Protein backbone atom coordinates (compact mmCIF):
# COMPACT_ATOMS: atom_id res chain seq x y z
CA MET A 1 21.37 12.73 -5.12
CA LEU A 2 21.34 9.11 -3.62
CA ALA A 3 23.89 6.91 -3.37
CA ARG A 4 22.65 3.92 -5.30
CA ARG A 5 20.00 3.75 -7.64
CA ILE A 6 16.49 3.81 -6.33
CA LEU A 7 13.47 1.83 -8.27
CA ILE A 8 9.97 2.65 -7.57
CA TYR A 9 6.54 0.43 -8.07
CA GLY A 10 2.91 0.69 -7.60
CA THR A 11 -0.41 0.12 -8.94
CA VAL A 12 -2.62 2.66 -10.57
CA TYR A 13 -6.53 2.83 -11.94
CA ASN A 14 -7.97 5.68 -13.81
CA ASN A 15 -5.41 8.60 -12.50
CA ALA A 16 -4.90 10.57 -15.57
CA ASN A 17 -5.68 13.75 -14.15
CA ARG A 18 -3.05 12.93 -11.19
CA ILE A 19 -0.46 10.47 -12.42
CA VAL A 20 1.69 13.33 -14.45
CA ALA A 21 2.04 15.60 -11.07
CA SER A 22 2.36 12.35 -9.02
CA LEU A 23 5.49 11.40 -11.05
CA ALA A 24 7.18 15.00 -11.19
CA SER A 25 6.56 15.06 -7.56
CA VAL A 26 9.22 12.25 -6.97
CA ALA A 27 11.31 13.46 -9.74
CA PRO A 28 13.78 14.91 -7.01
CA LEU A 29 14.57 11.18 -5.76
CA MET A 30 16.08 11.18 -9.39
CA PRO A 31 14.22 7.37 -9.82
CA HIS A 32 16.09 4.84 -12.01
CA LYS A 33 12.86 3.29 -13.23
CA PHE A 34 9.37 2.81 -12.23
CA TYR A 35 7.26 -0.72 -12.40
CA VAL A 36 3.67 0.01 -12.71
CA VAL A 37 0.36 -2.27 -12.69
CA ASP A 38 -2.25 -0.64 -14.26
CA ASN A 39 -5.86 -2.15 -13.55
CA TYR A 40 -7.19 -1.44 -17.32
CA SER A 41 -7.48 2.39 -16.90
CA PHE A 42 -9.95 3.49 -19.53
CA ASP A 43 -9.19 7.42 -19.01
CA GLY A 44 -6.09 7.30 -20.70
CA THR A 45 -3.65 6.56 -17.76
CA TYR A 46 -1.93 3.78 -19.26
CA GLU A 47 -1.47 5.74 -22.40
CA ILE A 48 0.47 8.45 -20.88
CA LEU A 49 2.81 5.96 -18.81
CA ARG A 50 4.06 4.42 -21.76
CA LYS A 51 5.30 7.44 -23.26
CA HIS A 52 7.74 7.09 -20.65
CA LYS A 53 11.14 5.34 -21.44
CA ASN A 54 11.85 4.76 -17.92
CA ILE A 55 8.46 3.33 -16.90
CA GLU A 56 7.64 -0.23 -17.35
CA VAL A 57 3.83 -0.86 -17.07
CA THR A 58 2.00 -3.49 -17.56
CA GLN A 59 -2.09 -4.21 -17.62
CA MET A 60 -3.88 -6.52 -14.81
CA ARG A 61 -7.43 -7.03 -13.30
CA CYS A 62 -6.34 -7.92 -9.65
CA LYS A 63 -7.09 -6.25 -6.05
CA ARG A 64 -4.78 -3.73 -5.12
CA GLY A 65 -2.26 -6.34 -3.00
CA LYS A 66 -2.04 -8.53 -6.21
CA GLY A 67 -1.16 -5.79 -8.08
CA ARG A 68 1.43 -4.26 -6.08
CA GLY A 69 3.04 -7.93 -5.71
CA MET A 70 2.95 -8.00 -9.43
CA ALA A 71 4.95 -4.84 -9.98
CA LEU A 72 7.52 -5.29 -7.09
CA LYS A 73 8.30 -8.68 -8.94
CA MET A 74 8.96 -6.85 -12.03
CA LEU A 75 11.02 -4.50 -10.32
CA LEU A 76 13.02 -7.33 -8.30
CA LYS A 77 14.01 -9.35 -11.70
CA GLU A 78 16.11 -6.17 -12.68
CA ALA A 79 17.29 -4.66 -9.23
CA ARG A 80 20.75 -5.08 -7.58
CA PRO A 81 20.29 -6.49 -4.32
CA ASP A 82 21.30 -2.91 -2.87
CA ASP A 83 19.12 -0.89 -5.02
CA TYR A 84 16.81 1.26 -2.76
CA VAL A 85 13.21 0.33 -3.37
CA LEU A 86 10.17 2.37 -2.71
CA HIS A 87 6.42 2.14 -3.37
CA ILE A 88 4.08 5.08 -3.82
CA ASP A 89 0.60 5.78 -4.91
CA PHE A 90 0.07 7.19 -8.40
CA ASP A 91 -2.87 9.47 -7.25
CA VAL A 92 -0.86 11.48 -4.75
CA VAL A 93 1.52 14.21 -5.18
CA TYR A 94 4.41 14.33 -2.66
CA LYS A 95 5.94 17.09 -1.29
CA GLN A 96 9.26 18.56 -0.54
CA ALA A 97 9.34 17.19 3.02
CA TYR A 98 8.76 13.91 1.57
CA ILE A 99 11.69 13.99 -0.61
CA ASP A 100 13.72 14.88 2.03
CA ILE A 101 12.91 12.48 4.63
CA VAL A 102 13.39 9.74 2.09
CA LYS A 103 16.54 11.02 1.19
CA LYS A 104 17.60 11.16 4.82
CA LYS A 105 16.32 7.44 5.73
CA ALA A 106 18.11 6.32 2.68
CA LYS A 107 21.40 6.97 3.84
CA SER A 108 21.34 5.31 7.15
CA LEU A 109 19.13 2.28 5.57
CA CYS A 110 20.90 -1.26 6.07
CA ASP A 111 19.20 -4.40 4.81
CA ASN A 112 16.57 -5.83 6.71
CA GLU A 113 14.92 -2.35 7.26
CA ILE A 114 11.82 -0.72 6.16
CA TYR A 115 10.65 2.62 6.65
CA PHE A 116 7.12 1.55 6.52
CA ASP A 117 5.30 5.43 6.53
CA PHE A 118 7.32 6.52 3.53
CA GLY A 119 6.91 3.97 0.96
CA GLU A 120 8.16 0.96 2.78
CA LEU A 121 11.74 2.25 2.12
CA SER A 122 14.01 -0.74 1.87
CA THR A 123 16.52 -2.58 -0.50
CA ALA A 124 15.83 -4.87 -2.84
CA ARG A 125 17.45 -7.70 -1.04
CA THR A 126 15.04 -6.88 2.07
CA ASN A 127 12.09 -7.60 -0.25
CA GLN A 128 12.90 -10.88 -1.81
CA GLY A 129 10.58 -13.34 -0.47
CA LEU A 130 8.05 -10.67 1.07
CA GLU A 131 4.83 -11.05 -0.71
CA TRP A 132 1.94 -8.85 -0.84
CA ALA A 133 -1.48 -10.59 -0.18
CA ASN A 134 -4.39 -10.73 -2.52
CA LEU A 135 -6.22 -8.06 -0.76
CA ASN A 136 -8.12 -4.80 -1.39
CA ALA A 137 -7.93 -3.43 2.19
CA PHE A 138 -5.27 -3.66 4.87
CA GLU A 139 -2.74 -5.17 2.41
CA ASP A 140 -0.41 -3.04 4.04
CA VAL A 141 -1.27 -3.55 7.25
CA GLU A 142 -0.43 -7.35 6.56
CA ARG A 143 2.55 -7.11 4.79
CA CYS A 144 4.01 -4.83 7.81
CA ALA A 145 2.92 -7.87 9.93
CA ALA A 146 4.32 -10.41 7.63
CA ALA A 147 7.78 -8.35 7.60
CA LEU A 148 7.52 -8.21 11.14
CA GLU A 149 7.12 -12.29 11.49
CA LYS A 150 10.34 -12.32 9.27
CA GLY A 151 12.60 -10.39 11.55
CA ILE A 152 12.84 -7.40 9.45
CA ARG A 153 13.00 -4.47 11.41
CA VAL A 154 10.25 -1.84 10.29
CA TYR A 155 10.02 2.04 11.58
CA ARG A 156 6.97 3.48 11.77
CA MET A 157 6.09 7.17 12.87
CA ARG A 158 3.26 7.63 15.45
CA ALA A 159 0.15 8.97 13.98
CA HIS A 160 -0.26 12.79 14.43
CA GLY A 161 -3.60 12.97 12.53
CA GLU A 162 -4.16 14.08 8.81
CA GLU A 163 -2.67 17.68 9.31
CA PHE A 164 0.90 15.67 9.93
CA TRP A 165 0.37 13.67 7.16
CA HIS A 166 -0.69 16.69 4.69
CA LYS A 167 3.00 18.21 5.04
CA PHE A 168 4.34 15.08 3.25
CA TRP A 169 1.82 14.82 0.72
CA GLU A 170 -1.70 15.66 -1.24
CA ASN A 171 -4.12 12.96 -2.28
CA GLU A 172 -7.75 12.57 -3.02
CA GLU A 173 -9.00 11.00 -0.03
CA VAL A 174 -11.64 8.53 -1.21
CA VAL A 175 -12.70 5.74 0.96
CA GLY A 176 -15.39 2.83 1.58
CA LYS A 177 -17.98 2.87 -1.03
CA LYS A 178 -17.05 5.98 -2.75
CA ARG A 179 -13.53 4.61 -3.20
CA GLU A 180 -15.22 1.16 -4.64
CA ALA A 181 -17.43 3.32 -6.86
CA ARG A 182 -14.36 4.42 -8.74
CA TYR A 183 -14.25 0.66 -10.12
CA GLU A 184 -18.16 -0.15 -10.97
CA LYS A 185 -20.94 2.19 -12.25
CA ASN A 186 -23.46 -0.40 -11.39
CA LEU A 187 -24.62 -0.10 -8.07
CA LEU A 188 -24.91 -3.43 -6.79
CA LYS A 189 -21.64 -4.30 -8.09
CA THR A 190 -20.44 -1.34 -6.04
CA TYR A 191 -21.67 -2.76 -3.11
CA LEU A 192 -20.27 -5.83 -3.85
CA ARG A 193 -16.83 -4.25 -3.69
CA PHE A 194 -17.57 -2.70 -0.83
CA PHE A 195 -18.33 -5.94 0.98
CA VAL A 196 -15.15 -7.60 -0.45
CA HIS A 197 -13.38 -4.51 0.79
CA VAL A 198 -14.61 -5.21 4.27
CA MET A 199 -14.25 -8.91 4.28
CA ASP A 200 -10.21 -8.04 3.14
CA ALA A 201 -10.26 -6.19 6.07
CA GLU A 202 -10.80 -8.84 8.51
CA ARG A 203 -8.21 -11.10 6.62
CA GLY A 204 -5.82 -8.83 6.38
CA GLY A 205 -6.45 -7.38 10.23
CA ALA A 206 -7.05 -11.20 11.47
CA TYR A 207 -9.22 -9.71 14.38
CA THR A 208 -9.83 -12.55 16.91
CA HIS A 209 -13.77 -10.94 17.74
CA PHE A 210 -16.00 -9.66 15.85
CA SER A 211 -16.16 -6.55 18.05
CA GLU A 212 -12.61 -5.08 17.65
CA PHE A 213 -13.27 -5.75 13.88
CA TYR A 214 -16.49 -3.58 13.82
CA ASN A 215 -14.89 -0.92 15.72
CA ILE A 216 -12.57 -0.13 13.01
CA SER A 217 -15.95 0.73 10.67
CA GLY A 218 -15.81 4.05 12.30
CA VAL A 219 -19.91 3.96 11.70
CA ARG A 220 -23.00 2.74 13.48
CA SER A 221 -25.77 1.73 11.55
CA PRO A 222 -27.61 -1.26 11.11
CA GLN A 223 -26.38 -1.71 7.66
CA HIS A 224 -23.00 -1.45 8.44
CA PHE A 225 -23.59 -3.85 11.31
CA LEU A 226 -24.70 -6.63 9.03
CA VAL A 227 -22.15 -5.93 6.14
CA TYR A 228 -19.46 -6.28 8.79
CA PHE A 229 -20.92 -9.18 10.50
CA PHE A 230 -21.31 -11.29 7.54
CA ALA A 231 -18.04 -9.82 5.74
CA PHE A 232 -16.18 -11.35 9.24
CA ILE A 233 -17.74 -14.79 8.72
CA ALA A 234 -17.09 -14.69 5.07
CA ALA A 235 -13.10 -13.80 5.84
CA ARG A 236 -12.81 -16.44 8.78
CA LEU A 237 -14.34 -19.16 5.92
CA LYS A 238 -11.94 -18.12 3.07
CA GLY A 239 -8.81 -17.52 5.79
CA THR A 240 -7.11 -14.76 7.20
CA TYR A 241 -3.14 -13.78 6.89
CA ARG A 242 -2.40 -14.17 10.92
CA HIS A 243 1.34 -13.74 11.70
CA ASP A 244 1.22 -14.03 15.66
CA LYS A 245 -0.73 -16.71 17.21
CA GLU A 246 -1.88 -14.34 20.22
CA LEU A 247 -2.66 -11.04 18.43
CA ASP A 248 -4.03 -9.83 15.55
CA ASN A 249 -2.14 -8.14 13.25
CA PRO A 250 -2.36 -4.33 14.21
CA SER A 251 -1.81 -5.17 17.87
CA PHE A 252 1.24 -7.59 16.62
CA ILE A 253 2.50 -4.00 14.89
CA GLU A 254 2.02 -2.28 17.77
CA LYS A 255 4.23 -4.55 19.80
CA ARG A 256 7.01 -5.19 17.64
CA VAL A 257 7.53 -2.15 15.31
CA THR A 258 10.08 0.60 16.02
CA TYR A 259 8.63 3.92 16.61
CA ILE A 260 11.13 7.06 15.35
CA GLN A 261 11.28 10.73 15.10
CA GLU A 262 11.30 12.66 11.80
């Protein structure tokens, strides 16, 4: 049992087939309360959440980053300064290894520290003034860079490939256009959402040169090139969330983050 209360927040959309299992998987942490923003699910997700007494849920149409920010604000209104704060994805089922490492890191957690790879485990006090950007992609990268700019110590584990992370959780890996298709059945709207997703990746990553930005696509085709090129321009017109004068956000994180072992 953790020495302090743990409060969990996140966003959800049409996860009725996973939400119960996701909630059950973090039950060993004995959460005091959940704070959830539902993006107007129509598959019964919202109704499932409302049945739980220790879940505060509201509905709002928004990008993922804005939804997470709203859920965090709901949490901070009720939190004690030294409460543990954890962010989770409600389409993910967390394994015992995840529970164990969160409990382990919580024992030594201090203010002004964040364990980024494990639900951004931190204290409520640390989260005061640390916003989520209104983005649908790279919102976690932007927030990590923002935390580092504020002088918060961020801990990460070096990536070891998907197999390494699968020992901590199971999720339905849906990315790119397939993920955006969950939100829109209209093909044109799906492609528009994908364009916004790519644009937000540049806004959150704040890459200096188009070539660096295009490298993250992992796909080489004339269609992808055009999407990334115009999304790069659109992001520059709309504005990026850059947290270092010289480095893009991923490079800034790589330079400043503290890497740890399990």
